[in-house]
C-alpha atoms as a PDB file:
ATOM      1  CA  UNK A   1     299.254  52.368  58.338  1.00  0.00           C
ATOM      2  CA  UNK A   2     300.572  49.265  56.590  1.00  0.00           C
ATOM      3  CA  UNK A   3     304.251  50.171  56.304  1.00  0.00           C
ATOM      4  CA  UNK A   4     304.989  47.416  53.807  1.00  0.00           C
ATOM      5  CA  UNK A   5     302.227  48.732  51.545  1.00  0.00           C
ATOM      6  CA  UNK A   6     303.871  52.152  51.692  1.00  0.00           C
ATOM      7  CA  UNK A   7     307.454  50.939  51.261  1.00  0.00           C
ATOM      8  CA  UNK A   8     306.745  48.569  48.378  1.00  0.00           C
ATOM      9  CA  UNK A   9     303.749  50.158  46.634  1.00  0.00           C
ATOM     10  CA  UNK A  10     302.513  53.652  47.527  1.00  0.00           C
ATOM     11  CA  UNK A  11     305.889  55.125  48.436  1.00  0.00           C
ATOM     12  CA  UNK A  12     307.405  54.019  45.143  1.00  0.00           C
ATOM     13  CA  UNK A  13     304.835  55.923  43.077  1.00  0.00           C
ATOM     14  CA  UNK A  14     305.695  59.381  41.775  1.00  0.00           C
ATOM     15  CA  UNK A  15     303.485  61.919  40.023  1.00  0.00           C
ATOM     16  CA  UNK A  16     306.118  62.147  37.289  1.00  0.00           C
ATOM     17  CA  UNK A  17     305.580  58.549  36.129  1.00  0.00           C
ATOM     18  CA  UNK A  18     302.757  59.326  33.670  1.00  0.00           C
ATOM     19  CA  UNK A  19     304.733  61.974  31.794  1.00  0.00           C
ATOM     20  CA  UNK A  20     307.869  59.864  31.975  1.00  0.00           C
ATOM     21  CA  UNK A  21     306.191  56.912  30.266  1.00  0.00           C
ATOM     22  CA  UNK A  22     304.797  59.191  27.553  1.00  0.00           C
ATOM     23  CA  UNK A  23     308.390  60.257  26.903  1.00  0.00           C
ATOM     24  CA  UNK A  24     309.614  56.658  26.979  1.00  0.00           C
ATOM     25  CA  UNK A  25     306.907  55.610  24.504  1.00  0.00           C
ATOM     26  CA  UNK A  26     308.045  58.310  22.089  1.00  0.00           C
ATOM     27  CA  UNK A  27     311.566  56.896  22.330  1.00  0.00           C
ATOM     28  CA  UNK A  28     310.208  53.364  21.856  1.00  0.00           C
ATOM     29  CA  UNK A  29     308.608  54.318  18.550  1.00  0.00           C
ATOM     30  CA  UNK A  30     311.751  56.084  17.359  1.00  0.00           C
ATOM     31  CA  UNK A  31     314.093  53.203  18.112  1.00  0.00           C
ATOM     32  CA  UNK A  32     311.857  50.744  16.262  1.00  0.00           C
ATOM     33  CA  UNK A  33     312.476  52.777  13.117  1.00  0.00           C
ATOM     34  CA  UNK A  34     316.165  53.450  13.717  1.00  0.00           C
ATOM     35  CA  UNK A  35     317.501  50.011  14.687  1.00  0.00           C
ATOM     36  CA  UNK A  36     317.456  46.498  13.244  1.00  0.00           C
ATOM     37  CA  UNK A  37     315.083  44.270  15.195  1.00  0.00           C
ATOM     38  CA  UNK A  38     313.854  40.706  15.393  1.00  0.00           C
ATOM     39  CA  UNK A  39     310.526  41.073  17.210  1.00  0.00           C
ATOM     40  CA  UNK A  40     308.389  38.576  19.118  1.00  0.00           C
ATOM     41  CA  UNK A  41     310.640  35.542  18.832  1.00  0.00           C
ATOM     42  CA  UNK A  42     308.957  32.614  20.637  1.00  0.00           C
ATOM     43  CA  UNK A  43     310.774  30.644  23.307  1.00  0.00           C
ATOM     44  CA  UNK A  44     307.828  28.642  24.651  1.00  0.00           C
ATOM     45  CA  UNK A  45     304.162  27.879  24.136  1.00  0.00           C
ATOM     46  CA  UNK A  46     302.552  30.503  26.361  1.00  0.00           C
ATOM     47  CA  UNK A  47     301.304  33.745  24.844  1.00  0.00           C
ATOM     48  CA  UNK A  48     303.862  35.929  26.617  1.00  0.00           C
ATOM     49  CA  UNK A  49     306.879  33.672  26.073  1.00  0.00           C
ATOM     50  CA  UNK A  50     308.451  35.969  23.483  1.00  0.00           C
ATOM     51  CA  UNK A  51     311.610  38.043  23.164  1.00  0.00           C
ATOM     52  CA  UNK A  52     312.761  40.975  21.022  1.00  0.00           C
ATOM     53  CA  UNK A  53     316.307  41.385  19.720  1.00  0.00           C
ATOM     54  CA  UNK A  54     317.829  44.775  18.973  1.00  0.00           C
ATOM     55  CA  UNK A  55     320.970  44.012  17.008  1.00  0.00           C
ATOM     56  CA  UNK A  56     324.247  45.735  17.744  1.00  0.00           C
ATOM     57  CA  UNK A  57     324.998  48.498  15.271  1.00  0.00           C
ATOM     58  CA  UNK A  58     328.740  47.837  15.416  1.00  0.00           C
ATOM     59  CA  UNK A  59     330.455  44.420  15.540  1.00  0.00           C
ATOM     60  CA  UNK A  60     328.911  42.780  18.589  1.00  0.00           C
ATOM     61  CA  UNK A  61     330.976  42.052  21.682  1.00  0.00           C
ATOM     62  CA  UNK A  62     328.312  40.700  24.062  1.00  0.00           C
ATOM     63  CA  UNK A  63     324.611  39.937  24.516  1.00  0.00           C
ATOM     64  CA  UNK A  64     322.501  41.633  27.176  1.00  0.00           C
ATOM     65  CA  UNK A  65     319.279  39.900  28.228  1.00  0.00           C
ATOM     66  CA  UNK A  66     316.874  42.322  29.919  1.00  0.00           C
ATOM     67  CA  UNK A  67     313.919  41.441  32.178  1.00  0.00           C
ATOM     68  CA  UNK A  68     311.388  44.208  32.752  1.00  0.00           C
ATOM     69  CA  UNK A  69     309.698  45.579  35.862  1.00  0.00           C
ATOM     70  CA  UNK A  70     306.064  45.130  36.879  1.00  0.00           C
ATOM     71  CA  UNK A  71     305.927  43.301  40.238  1.00  0.00           C
ATOM     72  CA  UNK A  72     305.754  39.967  38.331  1.00  0.00           C
ATOM     73  CA  UNK A  73     302.176  40.871  37.341  1.00  0.00           C
ATOM     74  CA  UNK A  74     302.230  43.715  34.796  1.00  0.00           C
ATOM     75  CA  UNK A  75     304.083  45.611  32.048  1.00  0.00           C
ATOM     76  CA  UNK A  76     305.566  44.464  28.769  1.00  0.00           C
ATOM     77  CA  UNK A  77     308.918  44.370  26.983  1.00  0.00           C
ATOM     78  CA  UNK A  78     307.581  46.800  24.373  1.00  0.00           C
ATOM     79  CA  UNK A  79     307.518  49.563  27.017  1.00  0.00           C
ATOM     80  CA  UNK A  80     311.287  49.400  27.451  1.00  0.00           C
ATOM     81  CA  UNK A  81     312.758  49.085  23.972  1.00  0.00           C
ATOM     82  CA  UNK A  82     314.200  52.591  24.276  1.00  0.00           C
ATOM     83  CA  UNK A  83     316.785  51.208  26.702  1.00  0.00           C
ATOM     84  CA  UNK A  84     318.603  49.571  23.780  1.00  0.00           C
ATOM     85  CA  UNK A  85     319.324  52.870  21.997  1.00  0.00           C
ATOM     86  CA  UNK A  86     322.891  53.580  23.068  1.00  0.00           C
ATOM     87  CA  UNK A  87     323.700  50.088  24.343  1.00  0.00           C
ATOM     88  CA  UNK A  88     323.230  48.569  20.878  1.00  0.00           C
ATOM     89  CA  UNK A  89     325.342  51.335  19.341  1.00  0.00           C
ATOM     90  CA  UNK A  90     328.146  50.344  21.702  1.00  0.00           C
ATOM     91  CA  UNK A  91     328.368  46.761  20.426  1.00  0.00           C
ATOM     92  CA  UNK A  92     325.770  44.849  22.425  1.00  0.00           C
ATOM     93  CA  UNK A  93     322.931  42.747  21.075  1.00  0.00           C
ATOM     94  CA  UNK A  94     320.075  43.747  23.407  1.00  0.00           C
ATOM     95  CA  UNK A  95     317.338  41.192  24.108  1.00  0.00           C
ATOM     96  CA  UNK A  96     314.099  42.146  25.883  1.00  0.00           C
ATOM     97  CA  UNK A  97     312.152  39.229  27.324  1.00  0.00           C
ATOM     98  CA  UNK A  98     308.449  38.907  28.090  1.00  0.00           C
ATOM     99  CA  UNK A  99     307.345  36.278  30.575  1.00  0.00           C
ATOM    100  CA  UNK A 100     304.027  34.925  31.910  1.00  0.00           C
ATOM    101  CA  UNK A 101     302.544  37.040  34.688  1.00  0.00           C
ATOM    102  CA  UNK A 102     300.888  36.364  38.016  1.00  0.00           C
ATOM    103  CA  UNK A 103     298.216  35.266  38.784  1.00  0.00           C
ATOM    104  CA  UNK A 104     298.150  33.218  35.551  1.00  0.00           C
ATOM    105  CA  UNK A 105     301.317  31.560  36.866  1.00  0.00           C
ATOM    106  CA  UNK A 106     303.158  31.636  40.188  1.00  0.00           C
ATOM    107  CA  UNK A 107     306.633  33.133  40.591  1.00  0.00           C
ATOM    108  CA  UNK A 108     308.143  29.674  40.204  1.00  0.00           C
ATOM    109  CA  UNK A 109     306.521  29.409  36.793  1.00  0.00           C
ATOM    110  CA  UNK A 110     308.072  32.726  35.777  1.00  0.00           C
ATOM    111  CA  UNK A 111     311.524  31.537  36.863  1.00  0.00           C
ATOM    112  CA  UNK A 112     311.146  28.389  34.767  1.00  0.00           C
ATOM    113  CA  UNK A 113     310.027  30.430  31.753  1.00  0.00           C
ATOM    114  CA  UNK A 114     313.093  32.658  32.005  1.00  0.00           C
ATOM    115  CA  UNK A 115     315.328  29.588  32.172  1.00  0.00           C
ATOM    116  CA  UNK A 116     313.783  28.421  28.888  1.00  0.00           C
ATOM    117  CA  UNK A 117     314.202  31.921  27.470  1.00  0.00           C
ATOM    118  CA  UNK A 118     317.932  32.025  28.158  1.00  0.00           C
ATOM    119  CA  UNK A 119     318.504  28.670  26.475  1.00  0.00           C
ATOM    120  CA  UNK A 120     316.355  29.749  23.524  1.00  0.00           C
ATOM    121  CA  UNK A 121     318.217  33.049  23.172  1.00  0.00           C
ATOM    122  CA  UNK A 122     321.569  31.246  23.207  1.00  0.00           C
ATOM    123  CA  UNK A 123     320.288  28.928  20.478  1.00  0.00           C
ATOM    124  CA  UNK A 124     318.925  31.895  18.501  1.00  0.00           C
ATOM    125  CA  UNK A 125     322.379  33.435  18.311  1.00  0.00           C
ATOM    126  CA  UNK A 126     324.185  30.110  17.933  1.00  0.00           C
ATOM    127  CA  UNK A 127     322.112  29.444  14.813  1.00  0.00           C
ATOM    128  CA  UNK A 128     323.522  32.703  13.476  1.00  0.00           C
ATOM    129  CA  UNK A 129     327.018  31.504  14.440  1.00  0.00           C
ATOM    130  CA  UNK A 130     327.262  34.109  17.154  1.00  0.00           C
ATOM    131  CA  UNK A 131     328.883  32.956  20.399  1.00  0.00           C
ATOM    132  CA  UNK A 132     329.270  35.894  22.760  1.00  0.00           C
ATOM    133  CA  UNK A 133     329.306  36.391  26.535  1.00  0.00           C
ATOM    134  CA  UNK A 134     325.892  37.024  28.070  1.00  0.00           C
ATOM    135  CA  UNK A 135     325.078  39.598  30.746  1.00  0.00           C
ATOM    136  CA  UNK A 136     321.728  39.289  32.518  1.00  0.00           C
ATOM    137  CA  UNK A 137     320.117  42.603  33.432  1.00  0.00           C
ATOM    138  CA  UNK A 138     316.845  43.081  35.280  1.00  0.00           C
ATOM    139  CA  UNK A 139     314.838  45.916  36.802  1.00  0.00           C
ATOM    140  CA  UNK A 140     312.578  45.556  39.853  1.00  0.00           C
ATOM    141  CA  UNK A 141     310.843  42.170  39.470  1.00  0.00           C
ATOM    142  CA  UNK A 142     313.333  41.537  36.679  1.00  0.00           C
ATOM    143  CA  UNK A 143     316.214  42.155  39.106  1.00  0.00           C
ATOM    144  CA  UNK A 144     314.786  39.527  41.439  1.00  0.00           C
ATOM    145  CA  UNK A 145     314.479  37.083  38.550  1.00  0.00           C
ATOM    146  CA  UNK A 146     318.038  37.492  37.242  1.00  0.00           C
ATOM    147  CA  UNK A 147     319.443  37.145  40.770  1.00  0.00           C
ATOM    148  CA  UNK A 148     317.345  34.059  41.488  1.00  0.00           C
ATOM    149  CA  UNK A 149     318.447  32.528  38.182  1.00  0.00           C
ATOM    150  CA  UNK A 150     322.100  33.231  38.937  1.00  0.00           C
ATOM    151  CA  UNK A 151     321.846  31.440  42.272  1.00  0.00           C
ATOM    152  CA  UNK A 152     320.026  28.483  40.725  1.00  0.00           C
ATOM    153  CA  UNK A 153     322.563  28.436  37.888  1.00  0.00           C
ATOM    154  CA  UNK A 154     325.401  28.149  40.412  1.00  0.00           C
ATOM    155  CA  UNK A 155     324.100  24.669  41.268  1.00  0.00           C
ATOM    156  CA  UNK A 156     323.881  23.623  37.622  1.00  0.00           C
ATOM    157  CA  UNK A 157     326.384  21.864  35.404  1.00  0.00           C
ATOM    158  CA  UNK A 158     325.758  24.727  32.956  1.00  0.00           C
ATOM    159  CA  UNK A 159     327.893  27.054  35.042  1.00  0.00           C
ATOM    160  CA  UNK A 160     328.571  29.427  32.168  1.00  0.00           C
ATOM    161  CA  UNK A 161     325.037  29.825  30.905  1.00  0.00           C
ATOM    162  CA  UNK A 162     325.696  33.537  31.424  1.00  0.00           C
ATOM    163  CA  UNK A 163     328.657  35.560  32.619  1.00  0.00           C
ATOM    164  CA  UNK A 164     327.487  38.485  34.765  1.00  0.00           C
ATOM    165  CA  UNK A 165     324.417  40.042  36.397  1.00  0.00           C
ATOM    166  CA  UNK A 166     323.243  43.643  36.715  1.00  0.00           C
ATOM    167  CA  UNK A 167     320.297  43.930  39.114  1.00  0.00           C
ATOM    168  CA  UNK A 168     318.461  47.263  39.364  1.00  0.00           C
ATOM    169  CA  UNK A 169     316.020  48.115  42.185  1.00  0.00           C
ATOM    170  CA  UNK A 170     315.210  44.530  43.005  1.00  0.00           C
ATOM    171  CA  UNK A 171     313.232  42.801  45.746  1.00  0.00           C
ATOM    172  CA  UNK A 172     315.327  39.910  47.041  1.00  0.00           C
ATOM    173  CA  UNK A 173     313.370  39.113  50.201  1.00  0.00           C
ATOM    174  CA  UNK A 174     309.763  38.445  49.210  1.00  0.00           C
ATOM    175  CA  UNK A 175     308.450  38.169  52.781  1.00  0.00           C
ATOM    176  CA  UNK A 176     307.297  41.811  53.158  1.00  0.00           C
ATOM    177  CA  UNK A 177     305.129  41.485  50.043  1.00  0.00           C
ATOM    178  CA  UNK A 178     302.811  39.008  51.730  1.00  0.00           C
ATOM    179  CA  UNK A 179     301.253  41.891  53.689  1.00  0.00           C
ATOM    180  CA  UNK A 180     300.666  44.104  50.645  1.00  0.00           C
ATOM    181  CA  UNK A 181     298.088  44.410  47.891  1.00  0.00           C
ATOM    182  CA  UNK A 182     300.660  42.907  45.522  1.00  0.00           C
ATOM    183  CA  UNK A 183     300.010  39.505  47.041  1.00  0.00           C
ATOM    184  CA  UNK A 184     296.481  39.386  45.622  1.00  0.00           C
ATOM    185  CA  UNK A 185     298.097  38.367  42.330  1.00  0.00           C
ATOM    186  CA  UNK A 186     301.326  36.844  43.653  1.00  0.00           C
ATOM    187  CA  UNK A 187     299.551  34.532  46.144  1.00  0.00           C
ATOM    188  CA  UNK A 188     302.819  33.866  47.939  1.00  0.00           C
ATOM    189  CA  UNK A 189     302.997  31.001  50.407  1.00  0.00           C
ATOM    190  CA  UNK A 190     305.593  30.742  53.176  1.00  0.00           C
ATOM    191  CA  UNK A 191     307.405  27.964  51.332  1.00  0.00           C
ATOM    192  CA  UNK A 192     307.504  30.021  48.118  1.00  0.00           C
ATOM    193  CA  UNK A 193     308.870  33.017  50.003  1.00  0.00           C
ATOM    194  CA  UNK A 194     311.696  30.906  51.372  1.00  0.00           C
ATOM    195  CA  UNK A 195     312.418  29.136  48.096  1.00  0.00           C
ATOM    196  CA  UNK A 196     312.276  32.131  45.746  1.00  0.00           C
ATOM    197  CA  UNK A 197     313.864  34.809  47.947  1.00  0.00           C
ATOM    198  CA  UNK A 198     317.535  35.075  46.939  1.00  0.00           C
ATOM    199  CA  UNK A 199     318.535  36.415  50.381  1.00  0.00           C
ATOM    200  CA  UNK A 200     317.710  33.048  51.928  1.00  0.00           C
ATOM    201  CA  UNK A 201     319.869  31.055  49.517  1.00  0.00           C
ATOM    202  CA  UNK A 202     323.353  29.632  49.948  1.00  0.00           C
ATOM    203  CA  UNK A 203     325.396  31.943  47.743  1.00  0.00           C
ATOM    204  CA  UNK A 204     328.806  30.411  48.420  1.00  0.00           C
ATOM    205  CA  UNK A 205     328.950  28.666  45.046  1.00  0.00           C
ATOM    206  CA  UNK A 206     328.300  31.805  43.005  1.00  0.00           C
ATOM    207  CA  UNK A 207     331.297  32.865  40.948  1.00  0.00           C
ATOM    208  CA  UNK A 208     329.630  35.525  38.799  1.00  0.00           C
ATOM    209  CA  UNK A 209     330.241  39.273  38.947  1.00  0.00           C
ATOM    210  CA  UNK A 210     327.204  41.201  40.213  1.00  0.00           C
ATOM    211  CA  UNK A 211     326.264  44.870  40.127  1.00  0.00           C
ATOM    212  CA  UNK A 212     323.400  46.066  42.354  1.00  0.00           C
ATOM    213  CA  UNK A 213     321.879  49.482  41.627  1.00  0.00           C
ATOM    214  CA  UNK A 214     318.984  51.418  43.150  1.00  0.00           C
ATOM    215  CA  UNK A 215     317.616  54.945  42.908  1.00  0.00           C
ATOM    216  CA  UNK A 216     318.453  57.387  45.684  1.00  0.00           C
ATOM    217  CA  UNK A 217     314.802  58.550  45.707  1.00  0.00           C
ATOM    218  CA  UNK A 218     313.345  55.080  46.156  1.00  0.00           C
ATOM    219  CA  UNK A 219     311.878  53.983  49.472  1.00  0.00           C
ATOM    220  CA  UNK A 220     314.062  52.862  52.346  1.00  0.00           C
ATOM    221  CA  UNK A 221     312.887  49.289  51.830  1.00  0.00           C
ATOM    222  CA  UNK A 222     314.099  49.157  48.229  1.00  0.00           C
ATOM    223  CA  UNK A 223     317.423  50.735  49.173  1.00  0.00           C
ATOM    224  CA  UNK A 224     317.836  48.285  52.060  1.00  0.00           C
ATOM    225  CA  UNK A 225     316.978  45.300  49.856  1.00  0.00           C
ATOM    226  CA  UNK A 226     319.710  46.413  47.453  1.00  0.00           C
ATOM    227  CA  UNK A 227     322.248  46.762  50.261  1.00  0.00           C
ATOM    228  CA  UNK A 228     321.357  43.443  51.885  1.00  0.00           C
ATOM    229  CA  UNK A 229     321.677  41.419  48.694  1.00  0.00           C
ATOM    230  CA  UNK A 230     324.949  43.089  47.749  1.00  0.00           C
ATOM    231  CA  UNK A 231     326.338  42.439  51.231  1.00  0.00           C
ATOM    232  CA  UNK A 232     325.334  38.776  51.077  1.00  0.00           C
ATOM    233  CA  UNK A 233     327.266  38.248  47.848  1.00  0.00           C
ATOM    234  CA  UNK A 234     330.163  40.549  48.734  1.00  0.00           C
ATOM    235  CA  UNK A 235     331.965  37.694  50.477  1.00  0.00           C
ATOM    236  CA  UNK A 236     332.742  36.447  46.994  1.00  0.00           C
ATOM    237  CA  UNK A 237     334.521  39.707  46.231  1.00  0.00           C
ATOM    238  CA  UNK A 238     332.764  40.203  42.893  1.00  0.00           C
ATOM    239  CA  UNK A 239     330.071  42.725  43.774  1.00  0.00           C
ATOM    240  CA  UNK A 240     329.593  46.400  42.954  1.00  0.00           C
ATOM    241  CA  UNK A 241     326.719  48.477  44.347  1.00  0.00           C
ATOM    242  CA  UNK A 242     325.584  52.058  43.913  1.00  0.00           C
ATOM    243  CA  UNK A 243     322.701  54.396  44.668  1.00  0.00           C
ATOM    244  CA  UNK A 244     321.884  56.408  41.551  1.00  0.00           C
ATOM    245  CA  UNK A 245     321.651  60.037  42.598  1.00  0.00           C
ATOM    246  CA  UNK A 246     318.424  61.978  42.108  1.00  0.00           C
ATOM    247  CA  UNK A 247     316.604  58.988  40.600  1.00  0.00           C
ATOM    248  CA  UNK A 248     313.380  57.182  41.440  1.00  0.00           C
ATOM    249  CA  UNK A 249     312.279  53.702  40.384  1.00  0.00           C
ATOM    250  CA  UNK A 250     311.686  54.557  36.721  1.00  0.00           C
ATOM    251  CA  UNK A 251     313.670  57.727  36.057  1.00  0.00           C
ATOM    252  CA  UNK A 252     316.847  55.717  36.641  1.00  0.00           C
ATOM    253  CA  UNK A 253     316.259  53.875  33.353  1.00  0.00           C
ATOM    254  CA  UNK A 254     317.629  56.977  31.652  1.00  0.00           C
ATOM    255  CA  UNK A 255     321.008  55.921  33.034  1.00  0.00           C
ATOM    256  CA  UNK A 256     321.066  53.318  30.236  1.00  0.00           C
ATOM    257  CA  UNK A 257     321.775  56.193  27.857  1.00  0.00           C
ATOM    258  CA  UNK A 258     325.371  56.891  26.866  1.00  0.00           C
ATOM    259  CA  UNK A 259     327.475  58.280  29.725  1.00  0.00           C
ATOM    260  CA  UNK A 260     324.783  57.208  32.222  1.00  0.00           C
ATOM    261  CA  UNK A 261     325.797  55.173  35.243  1.00  0.00           C
ATOM    262  CA  UNK A 262     324.014  51.982  34.170  1.00  0.00           C
ATOM    263  CA  UNK A 263     325.637  52.289  30.745  1.00  0.00           C
ATOM    264  CA  UNK A 264     329.012  52.653  32.470  1.00  0.00           C
ATOM    265  CA  UNK A 265     328.378  49.669  34.740  1.00  0.00           C
ATOM    266  CA  UNK A 266     327.568  47.530  31.697  1.00  0.00           C
ATOM    267  CA  UNK A 267     330.872  48.544  30.123  1.00  0.00           C
ATOM    268  CA  UNK A 268     332.721  47.776  33.377  1.00  0.00           C
ATOM    269  CA  UNK A 269     330.990  44.403  33.587  1.00  0.00           C
ATOM    270  CA  UNK A 270     332.009  43.587  30.019  1.00  0.00           C
ATOM    271  CA  UNK A 271     335.613  44.597  30.699  1.00  0.00           C
ATOM    272  CA  UNK A 272     335.662  42.339  33.776  1.00  0.00           C
ATOM    273  CA  UNK A 273     334.245  39.239  32.097  1.00  0.00           C
ATOM    274  CA  UNK A 274     336.535  39.718  29.098  1.00  0.00           C
ATOM    275  CA  UNK A 275     339.738  39.446  31.121  1.00  0.00           C
END
């Protein structure tokens, strides 16, 4: 048995996913009618370089930029609009970002697209005379991307491009993926694994608060990836981590709802960066 295939692909699948996404799609349709949106705002020239904005219902206090799951090769922002329901009611502009997918681009191309997206989103709100702190939030592949961007940003003169990171069920060491079916689209090389795996980076310059979350029912590999990345950054003293009880890779998204643990971590992150 290919253990990496089990830990990163087969073992992450649950029979409940189909019904769960039917439920999520119902919520997606409802929130489109209930909230104020700016849909499909372009930030580049590729077909998928678009973002959606769900405006805060109350006076806004921060902007959350969300990067979706899909192993860098599937899914769409439209599948996750429901996440904004209670977050936007609590005073956050919630931005969902699409990005080009593998194998059309490599992971490095996705990282560059997200860099453009963040600048474009800042300009989008600046045009509206809105200057608020930004929290990056990503799930699965999105968690890898926000963490990679934070580390790259630490080397940049634009040190306050964003103010905090919440990474959910991420893969921060890409090496195990080379032996899985995922690599048919990713086409990872050894140099790309080293360059785009956050665990191999010098994190000493990072001065951002991080929160690392993972579902208790996820595979050991996903739980270990979460622990390893949190431990690496813990030397900075600005890291929180938690296993979300009774949750798998996609059920945990319900913790974005009011009183959920992800919702609470967002509020704690905002309180910290507002000091």
